[in-house]
C-alpha atoms as a PDB file:
ATOM      1  CA  MET A   1     101.284 187.162  61.091  1.00  0.00           C
ATOM      2  CA  PHE A   2     100.959 189.473  63.747  1.00  0.00           C
ATOM      3  CA  ALA A   3     104.217 189.038  65.672  1.00  0.00           C
ATOM      4  CA  LEU A   4     105.115 191.760  68.295  1.00  0.00           C
ATOM      5  CA  THR A   5     108.552 190.566  68.736  1.00  0.00           C
ATOM      6  CA  ASP A   6     111.088 192.360  70.544  1.00  0.00           C
ATOM      7  CA  LYS A   7     108.373 195.443  71.004  1.00  0.00           C
ATOM      8  CA  THR A   8     107.401 196.988  74.052  1.00  0.00           C
ATOM      9  CA  ALA A   9     103.670 197.654  75.081  1.00  0.00           C
ATOM     10  CA  LEU A  10     102.171 199.557  77.950  1.00  0.00           C
ATOM     11  CA  ILE A  11      98.673 198.231  78.747  1.00  0.00           C
ATOM     12  CA  THR A  12      96.419 200.349  81.150  1.00  0.00           C
ATOM     13  CA  GLY A  13      94.154 198.842  83.231  1.00  0.00           C
ATOM     14  CA  ALA A  14      95.282 195.234  82.505  1.00  0.00           C
ATOM     15  CA  GLY A  15      94.845 193.919  86.075  1.00  0.00           C
ATOM     16  CA  SER A  16      91.398 192.339  84.424  1.00  0.00           C
ATOM     17  CA  GLY A  17      89.103 192.119  81.594  1.00  0.00           C
ATOM     18  CA  ILE A  18      89.765 193.300  78.449  1.00  0.00           C
ATOM     19  CA  GLY A  19      92.995 195.172  79.324  1.00  0.00           C
ATOM     20  CA  GLN A  20      94.468 191.534  81.179  1.00  0.00           C
ATOM     21  CA  ALA A  21      93.346 189.801  77.726  1.00  0.00           C
ATOM     22  CA  ILE A  22      95.229 192.278  76.034  1.00  0.00           C
ATOM     23  CA  ALA A  23      98.476 192.234  78.270  1.00  0.00           C
ATOM     24  CA  ILE A  24      98.370 188.047  77.582  1.00  0.00           C
ATOM     25  CA  LEU A  25      97.693 187.883  74.063  1.00  0.00           C
ATOM     26  CA  PHE A  26     100.596 190.487  73.272  1.00  0.00           C
ATOM     27  CA  ALA A  27     102.866 188.766  75.299  1.00  0.00           C
ATOM     28  CA  LYS A  28     102.194 185.434  74.014  1.00  0.00           C
ATOM     29  CA  GLN A  29     102.764 187.346  70.343  1.00  0.00           C
ATOM     30  CA  GLY A  30     106.409 188.109  71.720  1.00  0.00           C
ATOM     31  CA  ALA A  31     106.258 191.600  73.149  1.00  0.00           C
ATOM     32  CA  HIS A  32     107.132 192.647  76.810  1.00  0.00           C
ATOM     33  CA  VAL A  33     104.232 194.218  78.662  1.00  0.00           C
ATOM     34  CA  GLU A  34     104.147 196.833  80.971  1.00  0.00           C
ATOM     35  CA  VAL A  35     101.248 195.726  82.896  1.00  0.00           C
ATOM     36  CA  SER A  36      99.408 199.048  84.377  1.00  0.00           C
ATOM     37  CA  ASP A  37      96.553 198.708  86.917  1.00  0.00           C
ATOM     38  CA  LEU A  38      95.392 201.059  89.917  1.00  0.00           C
ATOM     39  CA  LYS A  39      95.940 197.862  92.199  1.00  0.00           C
ATOM     40  CA  LEU A  40      99.730 196.580  92.006  1.00  0.00           C
ATOM     41  CA  GLU A  41      98.158 193.087  93.071  1.00  0.00           C
ATOM     42  CA  SER A  42      95.864 192.803  89.949  1.00  0.00           C
ATOM     43  CA  ALA A  43      98.566 193.997  87.508  1.00  0.00           C
ATOM     44  CA  GLN A  44     101.282 191.614  89.388  1.00  0.00           C
ATOM     45  CA  ALA A  45      98.528 188.668  89.063  1.00  0.00           C
ATOM     46  CA  THR A  46      98.301 189.134  85.053  1.00  0.00           C
ATOM     47  CA  VAL A  47     102.553 189.470  84.992  1.00  0.00           C
ATOM     48  CA  ASP A  48     102.312 186.342  86.961  1.00  0.00           C
ATOM     49  CA  GLN A  49     100.118 184.668  83.995  1.00  0.00           C
ATOM     50  CA  ILE A  50     102.444 186.088  81.505  1.00  0.00           C
ATOM     51  CA  ILE A  51     105.831 184.841  83.030  1.00  0.00           C
ATOM     52  CA  THR A  52     104.374 181.393  83.872  1.00  0.00           C
ATOM     53  CA  ALA A  53     103.335 180.601  80.232  1.00  0.00           C
ATOM     54  CA  GLY A  54     107.191 182.184  79.088  1.00  0.00           C
ATOM     55  CA  GLY A  55     106.423 185.652  78.377  1.00  0.00           C
ATOM     56  CA  SER A  56     107.868 188.841  79.693  1.00  0.00           C
ATOM     57  CA  ALA A  57     106.317 191.740  81.755  1.00  0.00           C
ATOM     58  CA  HIS A  58     106.634 193.731  84.675  1.00  0.00           C
ATOM     59  CA  ALA A  59     103.731 195.118  86.666  1.00  0.00           C
ATOM     60  CA  THR A  60     103.145 198.770  88.054  1.00  0.00           C
ATOM     61  CA  ALA A  61     100.456 200.336  89.793  1.00  0.00           C
ATOM     62  CA  CYS A  62      99.183 203.764  88.309  1.00  0.00           C
ATOM     63  CA  ASP A  63      96.196 206.172  88.793  1.00  0.00           C
ATOM     64  CA  VAL A  64      95.686 207.418  85.082  1.00  0.00           C
ATOM     65  CA  GLY A  65      93.773 210.392  86.282  1.00  0.00           C
ATOM     66  CA  ASP A  66      96.846 211.645  88.217  1.00  0.00           C
ATOM     67  CA  GLN A  67      99.241 212.849  85.873  1.00  0.00           C
ATOM     68  CA  GLU A  68     102.266 212.551  88.445  1.00  0.00           C
ATOM     69  CA  SER A  69     101.263 208.998  88.839  1.00  0.00           C
ATOM     70  CA  VAL A  70     101.246 208.714  84.959  1.00  0.00           C
ATOM     71  CA  LYS A  71     104.714 210.861  84.732  1.00  0.00           C
ATOM     72  CA  SER A  72     106.438 208.415  87.328  1.00  0.00           C
ATOM     73  CA  ILE A  73     105.691 205.407  85.469  1.00  0.00           C
ATOM     74  CA  PHE A  74     106.722 206.117  82.099  1.00  0.00           C
ATOM     75  CA  ALA A  75     109.997 207.359  83.547  1.00  0.00           C
ATOM     76  CA  ALA A  76     110.216 203.649  85.180  1.00  0.00           C
ATOM     77  CA  ILE A  77     109.414 202.327  81.752  1.00  0.00           C
ATOM     78  CA  SER A  78     111.887 203.980  79.980  1.00  0.00           C
ATOM     79  CA  ALA A  79     114.975 203.394  82.612  1.00  0.00           C
ATOM     80  CA  ARG A  80     113.873 199.781  81.655  1.00  0.00           C
ATOM     81  CA  ARG A  81     113.052 199.380  78.295  1.00  0.00           C
ATOM     82  CA  PRO A  82     115.310 201.241  75.274  1.00  0.00           C
ATOM     83  CA  LYS A  83     111.796 202.192  73.389  1.00  0.00           C
ATOM     84  CA  LEU A  84     107.832 202.460  73.888  1.00  0.00           C
ATOM     85  CA  ASP A  85     106.193 200.723  70.962  1.00  0.00           C
ATOM     86  CA  ILE A  86     102.818 200.467  71.996  1.00  0.00           C
ATOM     87  CA  LEU A  87     100.188 202.031  74.438  1.00  0.00           C
ATOM     88  CA  VAL A  88      96.750 201.039  74.658  1.00  0.00           C
ATOM     89  CA  ASN A  89      94.716 203.417  76.625  1.00  0.00           C
ATOM     90  CA  ASN A  90      92.380 200.906  78.127  1.00  0.00           C
ATOM     91  CA  ALA A  91      91.816 201.970  81.876  1.00  0.00           C
ATOM     92  CA  GLY A  92      88.412 203.495  82.329  1.00  0.00           C
ATOM     93  CA  VAL A  93      85.535 203.252  84.390  1.00  0.00           C
ATOM     94  CA  ALA A  94      81.612 202.739  83.927  1.00  0.00           C
ATOM     95  CA  TYR A  95      78.804 204.636  85.136  1.00  0.00           C
ATOM     96  CA  ILE A  96      74.921 204.102  84.591  1.00  0.00           C
ATOM     97  CA  GLY A  97      72.446 207.262  84.724  1.00  0.00           C
ATOM     98  CA  SER A  98      71.016 209.980  82.872  1.00  0.00           C
ATOM     99  CA  VAL A  99      71.423 213.708  82.990  1.00  0.00           C
ATOM    100  CA  LEU A 100      69.003 214.060  85.815  1.00  0.00           C
ATOM    101  CA  THR A 101      70.566 211.117  88.007  1.00  0.00           C
ATOM    102  CA  THR A 102      74.258 211.979  87.236  1.00  0.00           C
ATOM    103  CA  SER A 103      76.021 213.561  90.236  1.00  0.00           C
ATOM    104  CA  GLU A 104      78.621 216.343  89.802  1.00  0.00           C
ATOM    105  CA  ALA A 105      80.904 213.858  91.593  1.00  0.00           C
ATOM    106  CA  ASP A 106      80.120 211.010  88.995  1.00  0.00           C
ATOM    107  CA  MET A 107      80.658 213.185  86.377  1.00  0.00           C
ATOM    108  CA  ASP A 108      84.057 214.383  87.593  1.00  0.00           C
ATOM    109  CA  ARG A 109      85.277 210.802  88.073  1.00  0.00           C
ATOM    110  CA  LEU A 110      84.340 209.782  84.828  1.00  0.00           C
ATOM    111  CA  TYR A 111      86.276 212.704  83.450  1.00  0.00           C
ATOM    112  CA  ARG A 112      89.248 212.371  85.280  1.00  0.00           C
ATOM    113  CA  ILE A 113      89.427 208.705  84.641  1.00  0.00           C
ATOM    114  CA  ASN A 114      88.272 208.009  81.185  1.00  0.00           C
ATOM    115  CA  ILE A 115      89.231 211.208  79.697  1.00  0.00           C
ATOM    116  CA  LYS A 116      92.104 213.090  81.237  1.00  0.00           C
ATOM    117  CA  GLY A 117      93.704 209.387  81.901  1.00  0.00           C
ATOM    118  CA  VAL A 118      93.658 209.056  77.844  1.00  0.00           C
ATOM    119  CA  PHE A 119      95.341 212.450  77.657  1.00  0.00           C
ATOM    120  CA  HIS A 120      97.873 212.096  80.502  1.00  0.00           C
ATOM    121  CA  CYS A 121      98.919 208.451  79.055  1.00  0.00           C
ATOM    122  CA  SER A 122      98.955 209.206  75.141  1.00  0.00           C
ATOM    123  CA  GLN A 123     100.917 212.898  75.980  1.00  0.00           C
ATOM    124  CA  ALA A 124     103.425 210.683  77.930  1.00  0.00           C
ATOM    125  CA  ALA A 125     103.689 208.207  75.156  1.00  0.00           C
ATOM    126  CA  ILE A 126     103.874 210.385  72.106  1.00  0.00           C
ATOM    127  CA  GLU A 127     106.678 212.753  73.857  1.00  0.00           C
ATOM    128  CA  ARG A 128     108.902 209.347  73.539  1.00  0.00           C
ATOM    129  CA  MET A 129     107.586 208.022  70.219  1.00  0.00           C
ATOM    130  CA  VAL A 130     108.197 211.023  68.420  1.00  0.00           C
ATOM    131  CA  PRO A 131     111.806 211.287  69.123  1.00  0.00           C
ATOM    132  CA  GLN A 132     112.294 207.475  68.330  1.00  0.00           C
ATOM    133  CA  GLY A 133     110.633 207.685  65.032  1.00  0.00           C
ATOM    134  CA  GLY A 134     106.957 206.147  65.844  1.00  0.00           C
ATOM    135  CA  GLY A 135     104.902 204.100  67.531  1.00  0.00           C
ATOM    136  CA  ILE A 136     101.140 203.244  68.271  1.00  0.00           C
ATOM    137  CA  VAL A 137      98.622 204.426  70.504  1.00  0.00           C
ATOM    138  CA  LEU A 138      95.377 202.196  70.851  1.00  0.00           C
ATOM    139  CA  ASN A 139      92.378 203.856  72.880  1.00  0.00           C
ATOM    140  CA  MET A 140      89.553 201.478  73.896  1.00  0.00           C
ATOM    141  CA  CYS A 141      86.379 203.615  72.768  1.00  0.00           C
ATOM    142  CA  SER A 142      82.854 202.439  73.063  1.00  0.00           C
ATOM    143  CA  ILE A 143      79.813 202.093  70.796  1.00  0.00           C
ATOM    144  CA  ALA A 144      78.397 204.542  73.298  1.00  0.00           C
ATOM    145  CA  ALA A 145      80.639 206.969  71.161  1.00  0.00           C
ATOM    146  CA  GLN A 146      78.502 206.279  68.160  1.00  0.00           C
ATOM    147  CA  MET A 147      75.210 205.805  69.252  1.00  0.00           C
ATOM    148  CA  GLY A 148      72.694 206.845  71.630  1.00  0.00           C
ATOM    149  CA  LEU A 149      72.235 204.474  74.959  1.00  0.00           C
ATOM    150  CA  ALA A 150      69.852 204.807  77.280  1.00  0.00           C
ATOM    151  CA  ASP A 151      71.263 205.693  80.808  1.00  0.00           C
ATOM    152  CA  ARG A 152      74.642 206.003  79.720  1.00  0.00           C
ATOM    153  CA  PHE A 153      75.086 210.090  79.826  1.00  0.00           C
ATOM    154  CA  ALA A 154      78.263 210.888  81.323  1.00  0.00           C
ATOM    155  CA  TYR A 155      79.609 207.725  80.413  1.00  0.00           C
ATOM    156  CA  SER A 156      79.005 208.181  76.551  1.00  0.00           C
ATOM    157  CA  MET A 157      80.410 211.778  76.904  1.00  0.00           C
ATOM    158  CA  THR A 158      83.743 210.419  77.825  1.00  0.00           C
ATOM    159  CA  LYS A 159      83.775 207.978  74.955  1.00  0.00           C
ATOM    160  CA  GLY A 160      82.818 210.695  72.448  1.00  0.00           C
ATOM    161  CA  ALA A 161      85.878 212.736  73.653  1.00  0.00           C
ATOM    162  CA  VAL A 162      88.333 209.374  73.121  1.00  0.00           C
ATOM    163  CA  LEU A 163      86.572 208.888  69.865  1.00  0.00           C
ATOM    164  CA  MET A 164      87.844 212.561  69.198  1.00  0.00           C
ATOM    165  CA  MET A 165      90.972 212.671  70.760  1.00  0.00           C
ATOM    166  CA  THR A 166      92.122 209.248  68.569  1.00  0.00           C
ATOM    167  CA  TYR A 167      91.048 211.510  65.338  1.00  0.00           C
ATOM    168  CA  SER A 168      93.083 214.422  66.564  1.00  0.00           C
ATOM    169  CA  MET A 169      96.063 212.479  67.551  1.00  0.00           C
ATOM    170  CA  ALA A 170      96.051 210.356  64.436  1.00  0.00           C
ATOM    171  CA  LYS A 171      96.210 213.607  62.380  1.00  0.00           C
ATOM    172  CA  ASP A 172      98.489 215.638  64.319  1.00  0.00           C
ATOM    173  CA  PHE A 173     101.242 213.033  64.425  1.00  0.00           C
ATOM    174  CA  ILE A 174     100.690 210.550  60.895  1.00  0.00           C
ATOM    175  CA  LYS A 175     103.930 212.442  59.801  1.00  0.00           C
ATOM    176  CA  GLN A 176     105.957 210.997  62.868  1.00  0.00           C
ATOM    177  CA  GLY A 177     105.348 207.737  62.165  1.00  0.00           C
ATOM    178  CA  ILE A 178     102.443 207.433  64.994  1.00  0.00           C
ATOM    179  CA  ARG A 179      99.282 205.371  64.063  1.00  0.00           C
ATOM    180  CA  CYS A 180      96.258 206.034  66.739  1.00  0.00           C
ATOM    181  CA  ASN A 181      92.888 204.228  66.398  1.00  0.00           C
ATOM    182  CA  CYS A 182      90.298 203.008  68.712  1.00  0.00           C
ATOM    183  CA  ILE A 183      88.294 200.003  69.055  1.00  0.00           C
ATOM    184  CA  CYS A 184      84.727 200.461  70.228  1.00  0.00           C
ATOM    185  CA  PRO A 185      82.759 197.487  71.759  1.00  0.00           C
ATOM    186  CA  ALA A 186      79.400 196.791  72.982  1.00  0.00           C
ATOM    187  CA  ARG A 187      78.713 194.888  75.872  1.00  0.00           C
ATOM    188  CA  VAL A 188      81.740 192.854  76.984  1.00  0.00           C
ATOM    189  CA  HIS A 189      81.421 189.899  79.788  1.00  0.00           C
ATOM    190  CA  THR A 190      84.175 191.074  82.315  1.00  0.00           C
ATOM    191  CA  PRO A 191      83.982 191.260  85.905  1.00  0.00           C
ATOM    192  CA  PHE A 192      82.364 194.644  86.089  1.00  0.00           C
ATOM    193  CA  VAL A 193      79.589 192.721  84.474  1.00  0.00           C
ATOM    194  CA  ASP A 194      78.981 190.165  86.995  1.00  0.00           C
ATOM    195  CA  GLY A 195      79.708 192.923  89.767  1.00  0.00           C
ATOM    196  CA  TYR A 196      76.723 195.154  88.185  1.00  0.00           C
ATOM    197  CA  LEU A 197      74.582 191.994  88.276  1.00  0.00           C
ATOM    198  CA  ALA A 198      75.376 190.761  91.616  1.00  0.00           C
ATOM    199  CA  THR A 199      74.740 194.363  93.220  1.00  0.00           C
ATOM    200  CA  THR A 200      71.775 195.381  91.026  1.00  0.00           C
ATOM    201  CA  TYR A 201      69.895 191.937  90.431  1.00  0.00           C
ATOM    202  CA  PRO A 202      70.740 189.765  93.514  1.00  0.00           C
ATOM    203  CA  GLY A 203      69.368 186.251  93.377  1.00  0.00           C
ATOM    204  CA  ARG A 204      68.475 187.248  89.456  1.00  0.00           C
ATOM    205  CA  GLU A 205      71.966 187.133  88.212  1.00  0.00           C
ATOM    206  CA  ALA A 206      71.344 184.439  85.440  1.00  0.00           C
ATOM    207  CA  GLU A 207      67.996 185.759  84.183  1.00  0.00           C
ATOM    208  CA  MET A 208      69.208 189.276  83.635  1.00  0.00           C
ATOM    209  CA  PHE A 209      72.725 187.967  82.264  1.00  0.00           C
ATOM    210  CA  GLN A 210      70.737 186.270  79.473  1.00  0.00           C
ATOM    211  CA  LYS A 211      68.646 189.447  79.043  1.00  0.00           C
ATOM    212  CA  LEU A 212      71.618 191.613  78.672  1.00  0.00           C
ATOM    213  CA  SER A 213      73.324 189.004  76.315  1.00  0.00           C
ATOM    214  CA  GLU A 214      70.347 188.751  73.733  1.00  0.00           C
ATOM    215  CA  ALA A 215      70.375 192.676  73.635  1.00  0.00           C
ATOM    216  CA  GLN A 216      73.075 192.138  71.286  1.00  0.00           C
ATOM    217  CA  PRO A 217      71.444 190.848  67.801  1.00  0.00           C
ATOM    218  CA  ILE A 218      74.349 188.206  67.704  1.00  0.00           C
ATOM    219  CA  GLY A 219      72.660 187.020  70.891  1.00  0.00           C
ATOM    220  CA  ARG A 220      75.501 186.980  73.233  1.00  0.00           C
ATOM    221  CA  MET A 221      78.216 189.340  75.116  1.00  0.00           C
ATOM    222  CA  ALA A 222      81.976 189.825  73.654  1.00  0.00           C
ATOM    223  CA  GLN A 223      84.493 187.607  75.076  1.00  0.00           C
ATOM    224  CA  PRO A 224      87.810 189.749  76.284  1.00  0.00           C
ATOM    225  CA  ALA A 225      90.109 187.794  74.263  1.00  0.00           C
ATOM    226  CA  GLU A 226      87.905 188.930  71.333  1.00  0.00           C
ATOM    227  CA  ILE A 227      88.697 192.188  71.837  1.00  0.00           C
ATOM    228  CA  ALA A 228      92.303 191.536  72.242  1.00  0.00           C
ATOM    229  CA  ALA A 229      92.596 189.779  68.944  1.00  0.00           C
ATOM    230  CA  LEU A 230      91.280 193.007  67.278  1.00  0.00           C
ATOM    231  CA  ALA A 231      93.755 195.071  69.278  1.00  0.00           C
ATOM    232  CA  LEU A 232      96.516 192.982  68.317  1.00  0.00           C
ATOM    233  CA  TYR A 233      95.875 193.385  64.617  1.00  0.00           C
ATOM    234  CA  LEU A 234      95.839 196.842  64.868  1.00  0.00           C
ATOM    235  CA  CYS A 235      98.882 197.224  66.832  1.00  0.00           C
ATOM    236  CA  SER A 236     100.874 194.761  64.655  1.00  0.00           C
ATOM    237  CA  ASP A 237     102.596 195.630  61.508  1.00  0.00           C
ATOM    238  CA  GLU A 238     100.019 193.860  59.209  1.00  0.00           C
ATOM    239  CA  ALA A 239      97.952 197.327  60.175  1.00  0.00           C
ATOM    240  CA  SER A 240     100.912 199.428  59.434  1.00  0.00           C
ATOM    241  CA  PHE A 241      98.218 201.514  56.619  1.00  0.00           C
ATOM    242  CA  ILE A 242      95.710 201.978  59.291  1.00  0.00           C
ATOM    243  CA  THR A 243      95.443 205.176  61.353  1.00  0.00           C
ATOM    244  CA  GLY A 244      92.717 207.641  62.246  1.00  0.00           C
ATOM    245  CA  SER A 245      89.937 204.940  62.587  1.00  0.00           C
ATOM    246  CA  SER A 246      87.437 203.538  64.862  1.00  0.00           C
ATOM    247  CA  TYR A 247      86.413 199.910  64.725  1.00  0.00           C
ATOM    248  CA  PRO A 248      83.116 198.896  66.415  1.00  0.00           C
ATOM    249  CA  ILE A 249      83.319 194.957  67.692  1.00  0.00           C
ATOM    250  CA  ASP A 250      79.712 194.854  68.467  1.00  0.00           C
ATOM    251  CA  GLY A 251      77.741 191.508  67.603  1.00  0.00           C
ATOM    252  CA  GLY A 252      75.865 194.062  65.105  1.00  0.00           C
ATOM    253  CA  ALA A 253      74.576 196.524  67.758  1.00  0.00           C
ATOM    254  CA  VAL A 254      75.433 199.539  65.704  1.00  0.00           C
ATOM    255  CA  ASN A 255      74.158 198.770  62.121  1.00  0.00           C
ATOM    256  CA  LEU A 256      71.667 195.519  62.909  1.00  0.00           C
ATOM    257  CA  ARG A 257      69.410 196.668  65.364  1.00  0.00           C
END
């Protein structure tokens, strides 16, 4: 079950964290993985792990907020691979702030990466998936699209847009054999969390890590591998009846508070 043999998957933001975990798991399940990240060295580090484990992967640097950059990597992938079966729109940036503390520059940056990045990559992927008879788009959303979170004004705005883009693409292309879903995680222990704690609470990292962990009803943060497992299911043939859905993976954060 959950084999991706002979499939090609593009994972954006796969140089670390959730994207890296998805890329490694998809390769383990037999996919050729196109690993994309803003930093080529980060993408290559993921590829090196995959190849060392016997998988197939290729690293590419891409700024998802730049449409020409996206077009360039999709053209390169088309030259290397006969089909693009899976796109995982994972690349994104976080931001902490209310409507009063969010600057116009912050808002523009979040819009450019979290919203336009999904648009650019989805458009390029679906252009290829329609003539080949189908494919899968999986978007990384957030519980911020489903509930009010303190100091997540701009970030929540972008993830609300990702949720609606997911539903819209699923509706528009269901007859062309394209499935589109999204995953809505709560807090995940990624390098972003460690960097945030080190910057914001120097000397108190362990204390604040525990506090953030206990904010989830289940009492801990998710691990990237747990998000990757759900991504694998939704991108596998076993999920062929699922489209236009959003999946919270949140340790009870939405419904058990």
